[in-house]
C-alpha atoms as a PDB file:
ATOM      1  CA  UNK A   1       4.773  12.569 -22.674  1.00  0.00           C
ATOM      2  CA  UNK A   2       5.447   9.590 -20.209  1.00  0.00           C
ATOM      3  CA  UNK A   3       2.879   6.755 -19.831  1.00  0.00           C
ATOM      4  CA  UNK A   4       2.129   6.358 -16.033  1.00  0.00           C
ATOM      5  CA  UNK A   5       0.409   3.559 -14.747  1.00  0.00           C
ATOM      6  CA  UNK A   6      -0.818   3.112 -11.066  1.00  0.00           C
ATOM      7  CA  UNK A   7      -3.592   1.331  -9.331  1.00  0.00           C
ATOM      8  CA  UNK A   8      -5.447   1.089  -6.040  1.00  0.00           C
ATOM      9  CA  UNK A   9      -6.799  -1.710  -3.871  1.00  0.00           C
ATOM     10  CA  UNK A  10     -10.595  -1.610  -2.921  1.00  0.00           C
ATOM     11  CA  UNK A  11      -9.643  -3.571   0.159  1.00  0.00           C
ATOM     12  CA  UNK A  12     -11.424  -0.977   2.213  1.00  0.00           C
ATOM     13  CA  UNK A  13     -12.793   2.561   2.362  1.00  0.00           C
ATOM     14  CA  UNK A  14     -10.462   4.965   0.878  1.00  0.00           C
ATOM     15  CA  UNK A  15      -8.377   7.366   3.152  1.00  0.00           C
ATOM     16  CA  UNK A  16      -6.290  10.240   3.385  1.00  0.00           C
ATOM     17  CA  UNK A  17      -3.024   7.984   3.067  1.00  0.00           C
ATOM     18  CA  UNK A  18      -4.487   6.769  -0.372  1.00  0.00           C
ATOM     19  CA  UNK A  19      -5.320  10.314  -1.299  1.00  0.00           C
ATOM     20  CA  UNK A  20      -1.973  12.131  -0.682  1.00  0.00           C
ATOM     21  CA  UNK A  21       0.332   9.138  -1.678  1.00  0.00           C
ATOM     22  CA  UNK A  22      -1.591   7.962  -4.799  1.00  0.00           C
ATOM     23  CA  UNK A  23      -4.799   9.430  -5.804  1.00  0.00           C
ATOM     24  CA  UNK A  24      -3.927  13.160  -5.826  1.00  0.00           C
ATOM     25  CA  UNK A  25      -0.902  12.541  -7.650  1.00  0.00           C
ATOM     26  CA  UNK A  26      -2.911  10.354 -10.347  1.00  0.00           C
ATOM     27  CA  UNK A  27      -5.423  13.315 -10.877  1.00  0.00           C
ATOM     28  CA  UNK A  28      -2.571  15.870 -11.448  1.00  0.00           C
ATOM     29  CA  UNK A  29      -0.670  13.382 -13.764  1.00  0.00           C
ATOM     30  CA  UNK A  30      -3.753  13.289 -16.045  1.00  0.00           C
ATOM     31  CA  UNK A  31      -3.048  16.659 -17.232  1.00  0.00           C
ATOM     32  CA  UNK A  32       0.592  16.211 -18.509  1.00  0.00           C
ATOM     33  CA  UNK A  33       0.810  12.647 -19.138  1.00  0.00           C
ATOM     34  CA  UNK A  34      -0.829   9.567 -20.514  1.00  0.00           C
ATOM     35  CA  UNK A  35      -2.430   8.156 -17.423  1.00  0.00           C
ATOM     36  CA  UNK A  36      -3.575   4.554 -16.794  1.00  0.00           C
ATOM     37  CA  UNK A  37      -5.193   4.309 -13.296  1.00  0.00           C
ATOM     38  CA  UNK A  38      -7.086   1.367 -12.343  1.00  0.00           C
ATOM     39  CA  UNK A  39      -9.043  -0.446  -9.435  1.00  0.00           C
ATOM     40  CA  UNK A  40      -7.009  -3.257  -8.549  1.00  0.00           C
ATOM     41  CA  UNK A  41      -9.526  -5.895  -7.341  1.00  0.00           C
ATOM     42  CA  UNK A  42      -7.759  -9.005  -8.288  1.00  0.00           C
ATOM     43  CA  UNK A  43      -4.981  -7.974  -6.025  1.00  0.00           C
ATOM     44  CA  UNK A  44      -7.527  -7.075  -3.208  1.00  0.00           C
ATOM     45  CA  UNK A  45      -8.642 -10.690  -3.016  1.00  0.00           C
ATOM     46  CA  UNK A  46      -5.431 -11.690  -1.270  1.00  0.00           C
ATOM     47  CA  UNK A  47      -7.194  -9.959   1.758  1.00  0.00           C
ATOM     48  CA  UNK A  48     -10.954  -9.371   0.760  1.00  0.00           C
ATOM     49  CA  UNK A  49     -12.752 -12.818   0.355  1.00  0.00           C
ATOM     50  CA  UNK A  50     -16.415 -11.576   0.468  1.00  0.00           C
ATOM     51  CA  UNK A  51     -17.961 -11.009  -2.801  1.00  0.00           C
ATOM     52  CA  UNK A  52     -20.430  -8.542  -1.659  1.00  0.00           C
ATOM     53  CA  UNK A  53     -17.724  -6.468   0.159  1.00  0.00           C
ATOM     54  CA  UNK A  54     -15.374  -6.403  -2.747  1.00  0.00           C
ATOM     55  CA  UNK A  55     -18.151  -5.496  -5.309  1.00  0.00           C
ATOM     56  CA  UNK A  56     -19.158  -2.598  -3.016  1.00  0.00           C
ATOM     57  CA  UNK A  57     -15.556  -1.519  -2.319  1.00  0.00           C
ATOM     58  CA  UNK A  58     -14.741  -1.356  -6.267  1.00  0.00           C
ATOM     59  CA  UNK A  59     -17.625   0.516  -6.750  1.00  0.00           C
ATOM     60  CA  UNK A  60     -16.982   3.220  -3.979  1.00  0.00           C
ATOM     61  CA  UNK A  61     -13.470   3.335  -5.074  1.00  0.00           C
ATOM     62  CA  UNK A  62     -14.446   4.336  -8.424  1.00  0.00           C
ATOM     63  CA  UNK A  63     -16.860   6.935  -7.021  1.00  0.00           C
ATOM     64  CA  UNK A  64     -14.173   8.522  -4.960  1.00  0.00           C
ATOM     65  CA  UNK A  65     -11.699   8.803  -7.701  1.00  0.00           C
ATOM     66  CA  UNK A  66     -14.492  10.442 -10.123  1.00  0.00           C
ATOM     67  CA  UNK A  67     -15.613  12.594  -7.268  1.00  0.00           C
ATOM     68  CA  UNK A  68     -12.105  14.106  -6.695  1.00  0.00           C
ATOM     69  CA  UNK A  69     -11.397  14.950 -10.141  1.00  0.00           C
ATOM     70  CA  UNK A  70     -10.230  12.063 -12.191  1.00  0.00           C
ATOM     71  CA  UNK A  71     -11.607  12.395 -15.672  1.00  0.00           C
ATOM     72  CA  UNK A  72     -12.182   9.139 -17.855  1.00  0.00           C
ATOM     73  CA  UNK A  73     -12.182  11.319 -21.205  1.00  0.00           C
ATOM     74  CA  UNK A  74      -8.562  12.244 -20.315  1.00  0.00           C
ATOM     75  CA  UNK A  75      -7.046   8.951 -19.163  1.00  0.00           C
ATOM     76  CA  UNK A  76      -7.623   5.216 -19.059  1.00  0.00           C
ATOM     77  CA  UNK A  77      -9.726   4.302 -15.921  1.00  0.00           C
ATOM     78  CA  UNK A  78     -11.087   0.894 -15.343  1.00  0.00           C
ATOM     79  CA  UNK A  79     -11.446  -2.300 -13.109  1.00  0.00           C
ATOM     80  CA  UNK A  80      -8.611  -4.646 -13.487  1.00  0.00           C
ATOM     81  CA  UNK A  81     -10.819  -7.744 -13.756  1.00  0.00           C
ATOM     82  CA  UNK A  82     -12.640  -5.980 -16.675  1.00  0.00           C
ATOM     83  CA  UNK A  83      -9.523  -6.584 -18.674  1.00  0.00           C
ATOM     84  CA  UNK A  84      -9.048 -10.320 -19.048  1.00  0.00           C
ATOM     85  CA  UNK A  85      -5.857  -9.957 -20.817  1.00  0.00           C
ATOM     86  CA  UNK A  86      -3.878  -9.242 -17.684  1.00  0.00           C
ATOM     87  CA  UNK A  87      -4.537 -12.810 -16.381  1.00  0.00           C
ATOM     88  CA  UNK A  88      -3.169 -14.421 -19.601  1.00  0.00           C
ATOM     89  CA  UNK A  89       0.021 -12.425 -19.172  1.00  0.00           C
ATOM     90  CA  UNK A  90       0.342 -13.360 -15.513  1.00  0.00           C
ATOM     91  CA  UNK A  91       0.362 -16.904 -16.252  1.00  0.00           C
ATOM     92  CA  UNK A  92       2.919 -16.584 -19.136  1.00  0.00           C
ATOM     93  CA  UNK A  93       5.282 -14.153 -17.093  1.00  0.00           C
ATOM     94  CA  UNK A  94       4.754 -16.642 -14.104  1.00  0.00           C
ATOM     95  CA  UNK A  95       6.299 -19.279 -16.206  1.00  0.00           C
ATOM     96  CA  UNK A  96       9.449 -16.895 -16.641  1.00  0.00           C
ATOM     97  CA  UNK A  97       9.869 -16.030 -12.977  1.00  0.00           C
ATOM     98  CA  UNK A  98      11.972 -17.808 -10.441  1.00  0.00           C
ATOM     99  CA  UNK A  99      10.550 -18.688  -7.218  1.00  0.00           C
ATOM    100  CA  UNK A 100      13.881 -17.165  -5.540  1.00  0.00           C
ATOM    101  CA  UNK A 101      12.801 -13.713  -7.014  1.00  0.00           C
ATOM    102  CA  UNK A 102       9.384 -13.996  -5.221  1.00  0.00           C
ATOM    103  CA  UNK A 103      10.775 -15.482  -1.977  1.00  0.00           C
ATOM    104  CA  UNK A 104      12.726 -12.244  -1.718  1.00  0.00           C
ATOM    105  CA  UNK A 105       9.531 -10.026  -1.750  1.00  0.00           C
ATOM    106  CA  UNK A 106       9.620  -7.826   1.384  1.00  0.00           C
ATOM    107  CA  UNK A 107       5.830  -7.237   0.985  1.00  0.00           C
ATOM    108  CA  UNK A 108       5.232 -11.010   1.229  1.00  0.00           C
ATOM    109  CA  UNK A 109       7.324 -11.358   4.440  1.00  0.00           C
ATOM    110  CA  UNK A 110       5.803  -8.504   6.015  1.00  0.00           C
ATOM    111  CA  UNK A 111       2.101  -9.790   5.335  1.00  0.00           C
ATOM    112  CA  UNK A 112       2.988 -13.222   6.654  1.00  0.00           C
ATOM    113  CA  UNK A 113       4.754 -11.598   9.761  1.00  0.00           C
ATOM    114  CA  UNK A 114       1.247  -9.718  10.401  1.00  0.00           C
ATOM    115  CA  UNK A 115      -0.603 -12.848  10.271  1.00  0.00           C
ATOM    116  CA  UNK A 116      -2.096 -12.814   6.791  1.00  0.00           C
ATOM    117  CA  UNK A 117      -2.473 -16.423   5.521  1.00  0.00           C
ATOM    118  CA  UNK A 118       0.437 -17.192   2.828  1.00  0.00           C
ATOM    119  CA  UNK A 119      -1.682 -18.135  -0.158  1.00  0.00           C
ATOM    120  CA  UNK A 120      -0.590 -18.727  -3.741  1.00  0.00           C
ATOM    121  CA  UNK A 121      -2.120 -15.540  -4.731  1.00  0.00           C
ATOM    122  CA  UNK A 122      -0.202 -13.505  -2.121  1.00  0.00           C
ATOM    123  CA  UNK A 123       3.204 -15.317  -2.960  1.00  0.00           C
ATOM    124  CA  UNK A 124       2.728 -14.566  -6.937  1.00  0.00           C
ATOM    125  CA  UNK A 125       1.336 -11.152  -6.247  1.00  0.00           C
ATOM    126  CA  UNK A 126       4.317  -9.471  -7.732  1.00  0.00           C
ATOM    127  CA  UNK A 127       3.755 -11.419 -11.052  1.00  0.00           C
ATOM    128  CA  UNK A 128       0.315 -10.126 -11.349  1.00  0.00           C
ATOM    129  CA  UNK A 129       1.657  -6.715 -10.561  1.00  0.00           C
ATOM    130  CA  UNK A 130       4.395  -7.215 -13.287  1.00  0.00           C
ATOM    131  CA  UNK A 131       1.556  -8.009 -15.789  1.00  0.00           C
ATOM    132  CA  UNK A 132      -0.517  -4.909 -14.870  1.00  0.00           C
ATOM    133  CA  UNK A 133       2.557  -2.704 -15.694  1.00  0.00           C
ATOM    134  CA  UNK A 134       4.073  -4.559 -18.630  1.00  0.00           C
ATOM    135  CA  UNK A 135       0.654  -5.078 -20.603  1.00  0.00           C
ATOM    136  CA  UNK A 136       0.301  -1.490 -21.030  1.00  0.00           C
ATOM    137  CA  UNK A 137       4.061  -0.868 -21.822  1.00  0.00           C
ATOM    138  CA  UNK A 138       4.231   1.755 -18.959  1.00  0.00           C
ATOM    139  CA  UNK A 139       7.081   3.827 -18.629  1.00  0.00           C
ATOM    140  CA  UNK A 140       6.728   5.230 -15.056  1.00  0.00           C
ATOM    141  CA  UNK A 141       5.071   3.575 -11.772  1.00  0.00           C
ATOM    142  CA  UNK A 142       4.647   5.918  -9.041  1.00  0.00           C
ATOM    143  CA  UNK A 143       5.255   4.162  -5.647  1.00  0.00           C
ATOM    144  CA  UNK A 144       6.275   4.895  -2.142  1.00  0.00           C
ATOM    145  CA  UNK A 145       9.893   3.795  -1.237  1.00  0.00           C
ATOM    146  CA  UNK A 146       8.176   0.937   0.622  1.00  0.00           C
ATOM    147  CA  UNK A 147       6.895  -0.565  -2.755  1.00  0.00           C
ATOM    148  CA  UNK A 148       9.873   0.283  -4.909  1.00  0.00           C
ATOM    149  CA  UNK A 149      10.994  -3.413  -4.647  1.00  0.00           C
ATOM    150  CA  UNK A 150       7.618  -4.617  -6.602  1.00  0.00           C
ATOM    151  CA  UNK A 151       8.911  -2.205  -9.550  1.00  0.00           C
ATOM    152  CA  UNK A 152      12.379  -3.860  -9.221  1.00  0.00           C
ATOM    153  CA  UNK A 153      10.933  -7.322  -9.669  1.00  0.00           C
ATOM    154  CA  UNK A 154       8.831  -6.141 -12.754  1.00  0.00           C
ATOM    155  CA  UNK A 155      11.975  -4.742 -14.155  1.00  0.00           C
ATOM    156  CA  UNK A 156      13.852  -8.180 -13.544  1.00  0.00           C
ATOM    157  CA  UNK A 157      10.695 -10.046 -15.162  1.00  0.00           C
ATOM    158  CA  UNK A 158      10.826  -7.550 -18.225  1.00  0.00           C
ATOM    159  CA  UNK A 159      14.620  -7.805 -18.785  1.00  0.00           C
ATOM    160  CA  UNK A 160      14.610 -11.785 -18.540  1.00  0.00           C
ATOM    161  CA  UNK A 161      11.681 -12.074 -20.919  1.00  0.00           C
ATOM    162  CA  UNK A 162      13.094  -9.532 -23.321  1.00  0.00           C
ATOM    163  CA  UNK A 163      16.626 -11.384 -23.161  1.00  0.00           C
ATOM    164  CA  UNK A 164      14.727 -14.523 -24.247  1.00  0.00           C
ATOM    165  CA  UNK A 165      12.390 -13.440 -26.846  1.00  0.00           C
ATOM    166  CA  UNK A 166      13.518 -10.195 -28.044  1.00  0.00           C
ATOM    167  CA  UNK A 167      12.701  -6.631 -27.357  1.00  0.00           C
ATOM    168  CA  UNK A 168       8.907  -6.913 -26.273  1.00  0.00           C
ATOM    169  CA  UNK A 169       8.200  -4.972 -22.828  1.00  0.00           C
ATOM    170  CA  UNK A 170       9.240  -1.316 -22.054  1.00  0.00           C
ATOM    171  CA  UNK A 171      11.372  -1.541 -18.807  1.00  0.00           C
ATOM    172  CA  UNK A 172       9.451   0.645 -16.208  1.00  0.00           C
ATOM    173  CA  UNK A 173      11.126   3.008 -13.805  1.00  0.00           C
ATOM    174  CA  UNK A 174       9.928   3.658 -10.431  1.00  0.00           C
ATOM    175  CA  UNK A 175       8.582   7.268  -9.846  1.00  0.00           C
ATOM    176  CA  UNK A 176       9.300   8.130  -6.160  1.00  0.00           C
ATOM    177  CA  UNK A 177       8.624  11.382  -4.879  1.00  0.00           C
ATOM    178  CA  UNK A 178      10.516  12.448  -1.930  1.00  0.00           C
ATOM    179  CA  UNK A 179       7.962  15.185  -1.106  1.00  0.00           C
ATOM    180  CA  UNK A 180       5.547  12.543   0.079  1.00  0.00           C
ATOM    181  CA  UNK A 181       6.507  10.886   3.230  1.00  0.00           C
ATOM    182  CA  UNK A 182       4.354   7.980   4.877  1.00  0.00           C
ATOM    183  CA  UNK A 183       1.179   9.492   5.848  1.00  0.00           C
ATOM    184  CA  UNK A 184       0.606   8.816   9.659  1.00  0.00           C
ATOM    185  CA  UNK A 185      -2.462   7.418  10.880  1.00  0.00           C
ATOM    186  CA  UNK A 186      -4.307   7.743  14.331  1.00  0.00           C
ATOM    187  CA  UNK A 187      -1.693   5.806  16.075  1.00  0.00           C
ATOM    188  CA  UNK A 188       1.620   7.352  14.356  1.00  0.00           C
ATOM    189  CA  UNK A 189       2.135   4.340  12.104  1.00  0.00           C
ATOM    190  CA  UNK A 190       1.638   4.572   8.497  1.00  0.00           C
ATOM    191  CA  UNK A 191      -2.012   5.338   7.760  1.00  0.00           C
ATOM    192  CA  UNK A 192      -3.242   1.900   6.592  1.00  0.00           C
ATOM    193  CA  UNK A 193      -6.735  -0.180   6.322  1.00  0.00           C
ATOM    194  CA  UNK A 194      -4.750  -3.149   7.818  1.00  0.00           C
ATOM    195  CA  UNK A 195      -3.806  -0.968  11.046  1.00  0.00           C
ATOM    196  CA  UNK A 196      -7.359   0.247  11.555  1.00  0.00           C
ATOM    197  CA  UNK A 197      -5.959   3.817  12.051  1.00  0.00           C
ATOM    198  CA  UNK A 198      -7.294   5.506   9.008  1.00  0.00           C
ATOM    199  CA  UNK A 199      -9.233   8.789   8.419  1.00  0.00           C
ATOM    200  CA  UNK A 200     -11.481   8.101   5.523  1.00  0.00           C
ATOM    201  CA  UNK A 201     -11.767  10.771   2.473  1.00  0.00           C
ATOM    202  CA  UNK A 202     -15.368  11.158   2.909  1.00  0.00           C
ATOM    203  CA  UNK A 203     -16.109  10.646   6.679  1.00  0.00           C
ATOM    204  CA  UNK A 204     -19.389  12.169   8.097  1.00  0.00           C
ATOM    205  CA  UNK A 205     -18.669  15.560   9.926  1.00  0.00           C
ATOM    206  CA  UNK A 206     -19.174  13.671  13.316  1.00  0.00           C
ATOM    207  CA  UNK A 207     -16.964  10.784  12.594  1.00  0.00           C
ATOM    208  CA  UNK A 208     -14.247  12.994  11.128  1.00  0.00           C
ATOM    209  CA  UNK A 209     -14.113  15.227  14.131  1.00  0.00           C
ATOM    210  CA  UNK A 210     -13.965  11.894  16.610  1.00  0.00           C
ATOM    211  CA  UNK A 211     -11.164  10.397  14.701  1.00  0.00           C
ATOM    212  CA  UNK A 212      -9.091  13.484  14.356  1.00  0.00           C
ATOM    213  CA  UNK A 213      -9.527  13.975  18.343  1.00  0.00           C
ATOM    214  CA  UNK A 214      -8.190  10.408  18.759  1.00  0.00           C
ATOM    215  CA  UNK A 215      -4.761  11.193  17.044  1.00  0.00           C
ATOM    216  CA  UNK A 216      -1.984   9.893  19.188  1.00  0.00           C
ATOM    217  CA  UNK A 217       0.205  12.596  20.866  1.00  0.00           C
ATOM    218  CA  UNK A 218       2.817  12.780  23.480  1.00  0.00           C
ATOM    219  CA  UNK A 219       2.438  13.843  26.976  1.00  0.00           C
ATOM    220  CA  UNK A 220       4.045  17.302  26.813  1.00  0.00           C
ATOM    221  CA  UNK A 221       2.287  19.840  28.884  1.00  0.00           C
ATOM    222  CA  UNK A 222       0.644  22.672  27.232  1.00  0.00           C
ATOM    223  CA  UNK A 223       3.270  25.310  28.342  1.00  0.00           C
ATOM    224  CA  UNK A 224       6.131  23.306  27.191  1.00  0.00           C
ATOM    225  CA  UNK A 225       7.895  23.716  23.664  1.00  0.00           C
ATOM    226  CA  UNK A 226       7.116  20.783  21.276  1.00  0.00           C
ATOM    227  CA  UNK A 227       8.926  19.138  18.250  1.00  0.00           C
ATOM    228  CA  UNK A 228       6.920  19.489  15.273  1.00  0.00           C
ATOM    229  CA  UNK A 229       9.241  17.202  13.280  1.00  0.00           C
ATOM    230  CA  UNK A 230       8.484  14.189  15.217  1.00  0.00           C
ATOM    231  CA  UNK A 231       4.840  14.793  15.720  1.00  0.00           C
ATOM    232  CA  UNK A 232       2.344  13.085  13.623  1.00  0.00           C
ATOM    233  CA  UNK A 233      -0.370  15.374  14.383  1.00  0.00           C
ATOM    234  CA  UNK A 234       1.624  18.271  12.813  1.00  0.00           C
ATOM    235  CA  UNK A 235       2.784  15.905  10.065  1.00  0.00           C
ATOM    236  CA  UNK A 236      -1.170  15.731   9.025  1.00  0.00           C
ATOM    237  CA  UNK A 237      -1.733  19.450   9.923  1.00  0.00           C
ATOM    238  CA  UNK A 238       0.870  20.528   7.266  1.00  0.00           C
ATOM    239  CA  UNK A 239      -1.098  18.297   4.572  1.00  0.00           C
ATOM    240  CA  UNK A 240      -3.970  20.773   4.733  1.00  0.00           C
ATOM    241  CA  UNK A 241      -2.871  24.199   6.013  1.00  0.00           C
ATOM    242  CA  UNK A 242      -1.510  26.860   3.946  1.00  0.00           C
ATOM    243  CA  UNK A 243       2.344  27.621   3.865  1.00  0.00           C
ATOM    244  CA  UNK A 244       2.307  30.729   6.157  1.00  0.00           C
ATOM    245  CA  UNK A 245      -0.218  29.143   8.652  1.00  0.00           C
ATOM    246  CA  UNK A 246       2.111  26.110   8.738  1.00  0.00           C
ATOM    247  CA  UNK A 247       5.221  28.319   9.711  1.00  0.00           C
ATOM    248  CA  UNK A 248       2.975  29.964  12.100  1.00  0.00           C
ATOM    249  CA  UNK A 249       2.013  26.730  13.854  1.00  0.00           C
ATOM    250  CA  UNK A 250       5.674  25.475  13.774  1.00  0.00           C
ATOM    251  CA  UNK A 251       6.584  28.729  15.859  1.00  0.00           C
ATOM    252  CA  UNK A 252       3.738  27.872  18.277  1.00  0.00           C
ATOM    253  CA  UNK A 253       5.065  24.306  18.719  1.00  0.00           C
ATOM    254  CA  UNK A 254       8.874  25.431  19.402  1.00  0.00           C
ATOM    255  CA  UNK A 255       7.384  28.382  21.601  1.00  0.00           C
ATOM    256  CA  UNK A 256       5.336  26.344  23.973  1.00  0.00           C
ATOM    257  CA  UNK A 257       1.726  27.448  25.330  1.00  0.00           C
ATOM    258  CA  UNK A 258      -0.126  25.647  22.364  1.00  0.00           C
ATOM    259  CA  UNK A 259      -1.840  22.721  23.172  1.00  0.00           C
ATOM    260  CA  UNK A 260      -2.427  19.522  21.151  1.00  0.00           C
ATOM    261  CA  UNK A 261      -6.132  19.976  21.449  1.00  0.00           C
ATOM    262  CA  UNK A 262      -6.161  23.390  19.827  1.00  0.00           C
ATOM    263  CA  UNK A 263      -4.290  21.873  16.849  1.00  0.00           C
ATOM    264  CA  UNK A 264      -6.756  18.994  16.506  1.00  0.00           C
ATOM    265  CA  UNK A 265      -9.808  21.416  16.481  1.00  0.00           C
ATOM    266  CA  UNK A 266      -7.805  23.501  13.555  1.00  0.00           C
ATOM    267  CA  UNK A 267      -7.222  20.328  11.684  1.00  0.00           C
ATOM    268  CA  UNK A 268     -10.770  18.818  11.773  1.00  0.00           C
ATOM    269  CA  UNK A 269     -11.989  22.244  10.283  1.00  0.00           C
ATOM    270  CA  UNK A 270      -9.070  22.322   7.649  1.00  0.00           C
ATOM    271  CA  UNK A 271      -9.872  18.625   6.660  1.00  0.00           C
ATOM    272  CA  UNK A 272     -13.716  19.239   6.461  1.00  0.00           C
ATOM    273  CA  UNK A 273     -13.293  22.448   4.385  1.00  0.00           C
ATOM    274  CA  UNK A 274     -10.746  20.717   2.066  1.00  0.00           C
ATOM    275  CA  UNK A 275     -13.051  18.058   0.615  1.00  0.00           C
ATOM    276  CA  UNK A 276     -16.141  20.174   0.697  1.00  0.00           C
ATOM    277  CA  UNK A 277     -16.031  20.832  -3.053  1.00  0.00           C
ATOM    278  CA  UNK A 278     -16.123  16.965  -3.632  1.00  0.00           C
ATOM    279  CA  UNK A 279     -18.592  15.949  -1.190  1.00  0.00           C
ATOM    280  CA  UNK A 280     -21.698  16.901  -3.377  1.00  0.00           C
ATOM    281  CA  UNK A 281     -20.268  15.295  -6.449  1.00  0.00           C
ATOM    282  CA  UNK A 282     -19.613  12.093  -4.309  1.00  0.00           C
ATOM    283  CA  UNK A 283     -23.146  11.994  -3.293  1.00  0.00           C
ATOM    284  CA  UNK A 284     -24.388  12.249  -6.769  1.00  0.00           C
ATOM    285  CA  UNK A 285     -22.476   9.406  -7.924  1.00  0.00           C
ATOM    286  CA  UNK A 286     -23.514   7.361  -5.090  1.00  0.00           C
ATOM    287  CA  UNK A 287     -27.074   8.036  -6.191  1.00  0.00           C
ATOM    288  CA  UNK A 288     -26.505   6.539  -9.718  1.00  0.00           C
ATOM    289  CA  UNK A 289     -24.150   3.338  -9.323  1.00  0.00           C
ATOM    290  CA  UNK A 290     -25.215   2.298 -12.974  1.00  0.00           C
ATOM    291  CA  UNK A 291     -23.904   5.546 -14.447  1.00  0.00           C
ATOM    292  CA  UNK A 292     -20.288   4.889 -12.515  1.00  0.00           C
ATOM    293  CA  UNK A 293     -20.536   1.161 -13.623  1.00  0.00           C
ATOM    294  CA  UNK A 294     -20.950   2.360 -17.353  1.00  0.00           C
ATOM    295  CA  UNK A 295     -18.065   4.593 -17.206  1.00  0.00           C
ATOM    296  CA  UNK A 296     -15.815   1.964 -15.933  1.00  0.00           C
ATOM    297  CA  UNK A 297     -17.094  -0.603 -18.775  1.00  0.00           C
ATOM    298  CA  UNK A 298     -16.179   2.020 -21.277  1.00  0.00           C
ATOM    299  CA  UNK A 299     -12.592   2.611 -19.764  1.00  0.00           C
ATOM    300  CA  UNK A 300     -12.178  -1.106 -19.705  1.00  0.00           C
ATOM    301  CA  UNK A 301     -12.987  -1.250 -23.723  1.00  0.00           C
ATOM    302  CA  UNK A 302     -10.612   1.556 -24.337  1.00  0.00           C
ATOM    303  CA  UNK A 303      -7.895  -0.140 -22.363  1.00  0.00           C
ATOM    304  CA  UNK A 304      -8.209  -3.447 -24.001  1.00  0.00           C
ATOM    305  CA  UNK A 305      -7.530  -1.901 -27.164  1.00  0.00           C
ATOM    306  CA  UNK A 306      -4.121  -1.053 -25.797  1.00  0.00           C
ATOM    307  CA  UNK A 307      -3.597  -4.430 -23.987  1.00  0.00           C
ATOM    308  CA  UNK A 308      -4.361  -6.453 -27.047  1.00  0.00           C
ATOM    309  CA  UNK A 309      -1.321  -5.824 -29.281  1.00  0.00           C
ATOM    310  CA  UNK A 310       1.038  -6.479 -26.653  1.00  0.00           C
ATOM    311  CA  UNK A 311      -0.608  -9.729 -25.388  1.00  0.00           C
ATOM    312  CA  UNK A 312      -0.900 -10.942 -29.005  1.00  0.00           C
ATOM    313  CA  UNK A 313       3.052 -10.423 -29.654  1.00  0.00           C
ATOM    314  CA  UNK A 314       3.838 -12.038 -26.176  1.00  0.00           C
ATOM    315  CA  UNK A 315       1.665 -15.258 -27.167  1.00  0.00           C
ATOM    316  CA  UNK A 316       3.293 -15.457 -30.910  1.00  0.00           C
ATOM    317  CA  UNK A 317       6.920 -15.161 -29.304  1.00  0.00           C
ATOM    318  CA  UNK A 318       6.432 -17.693 -26.680  1.00  0.00           C
ATOM    319  CA  UNK A 319       4.488 -20.320 -29.268  1.00  0.00           C
ATOM    320  CA  UNK A 320       1.013 -19.748 -28.105  1.00  0.00           C
ATOM    321  CA  UNK A 321       0.125 -18.642 -31.618  1.00  0.00           C
ATOM    322  CA  UNK A 322       0.464 -21.531 -33.737  1.00  0.00           C
ATOM    323  CA  UNK A 323      -2.082 -21.210 -36.710  1.00  0.00           C
END
């Protein structure tokens, strides 16, 4: 049984890209693996610098996960900041990480290019991510291809530490699924809160319909054939439609005679129906945030019991245990 670890940032309302690229996979993993899944609120501070908003987003992300089927009794589920051991390990690992390694981070360069202020936290983000992974001795880290480098940096840090102090950390492998391509947003780019192109998981019916109808398509006339393989609308459609209907719709695209408006109306119905079984539980959780916070506190306590032996071993090896 592999130990799998993944986290999600509460930097905004969770959306379909979060669900299909990460959340759905985690909920499935809890059935067959030892799953460590957490709300990454320290990382979110690189972009969210509003205390009330971060608190709200953290609880709501937890509610979304629980509503969608994550079971804290079958996995480790917690909020990053509730396990202080991770920050101790971050400092220790930072003292064993070269600036050159961090300067090569694609994610850092991309965020700076998009206008995000280059803070120390943003620059050392990969060290905190390494601490998240290594503290729990994770075997596998599910990531998209665009995030693979973060796991490679973690591997470099672990190998360097192990080489200096002896075997200490499990060296993790990235778990990349070729079945999950980038989930397109309303504008055809990767669905992302930072691009403002998301469809949230628990949209109201009115807002969901409005957003689906805004999905950008090309100007091919209704009667002309269309290419399903380059259409972001079709890419979203195939996430929700049954296999036989996907093939039917592909045929409609290639034959011509089907307008994008028809596809959007069908997609709206599919999305609304897909999340219907989870909507009632989500509303129930929203009505009792104290119960959600209690589950997260229990999860943190369980997780700290796993973290403590690793941190103790590290502190002993680097000389911080002197008594």
